[in-house]
Amino acid sequence: MNEDFKTNTLTPDEDGKYRWTYEMSLLKNPTIFMLIWKIFFFILLGIFGFMMIIDAIEWDDFFPDRLLNNLKFMGIFLVGMTVLVAVGYLIYAGMMGWKYIVEFEMDEKGVNHRQIEWQAEKARKIVKKTTMAGALTGNYTTMGVGMNAQRTEMYTEFVNVKKVIAYPHRKVIKVNALFNHNQVYVRKEDFEFVKNYIAKRCVNAKIK
């Protein structure tokens, strides 16, 4: 089902749950790429933060010369990391047919995000191949992209959500709990309904 296909407003099934399928272009929508990039960025930031603390303790000339050199090195490393993540992402996207197809199930208690079975099975195979290739070559970015592909399903209880962020232009609603960051994709015509449904039930969350 194409994301631009016009449908009626979502209606609950007989069991009271809302269900829909969403197909997202992995080239046109940057949401998943940005998620992977952010994971590696914060890992990189933590490593360099620790290194700079050690340097500041050990070197008297840390300010400003060594600090500037460290920041320059971090910038170069960040560019290289971005290139590697982009290459890994394109490989993953190509193997998935350049699209991400996911099924959603939502009720009063929470929302479940599940990649369709044939893609989930392919993702599990990608995990094995890319993780092994990354380990053999020492390419931790390739390993990370493969490991990220391992998660094909996520359920979030609304009562545990701390933040809800809506991105209408990307057609995505981020539903974030502690150690559980879910992403709900929904077609344009149903976006406001799903956003309001989630926001009203996430009573402990900040809404953006």
Foldseek 3Di string as FASTA:
>chain_A
DALADDDDAFDADPVQKTKDKYKFFVVPFCVVLVVLLVVVVVVLVVVLVVVLVVCVVVDPPVPPVVVVVSVVVSVVVSVVLSVLSVVLSVVLCVLLVRMWMWMWIDHLFWIKIATDDVSLVSLLVLQVVQLVVCVVVVPVSSNSSSVVSNDGMAIDTLQQFAEWEDDLVSQWIWTDGVVGIDIDHHRNVHSVVVLVSSVVSNVNYDYD
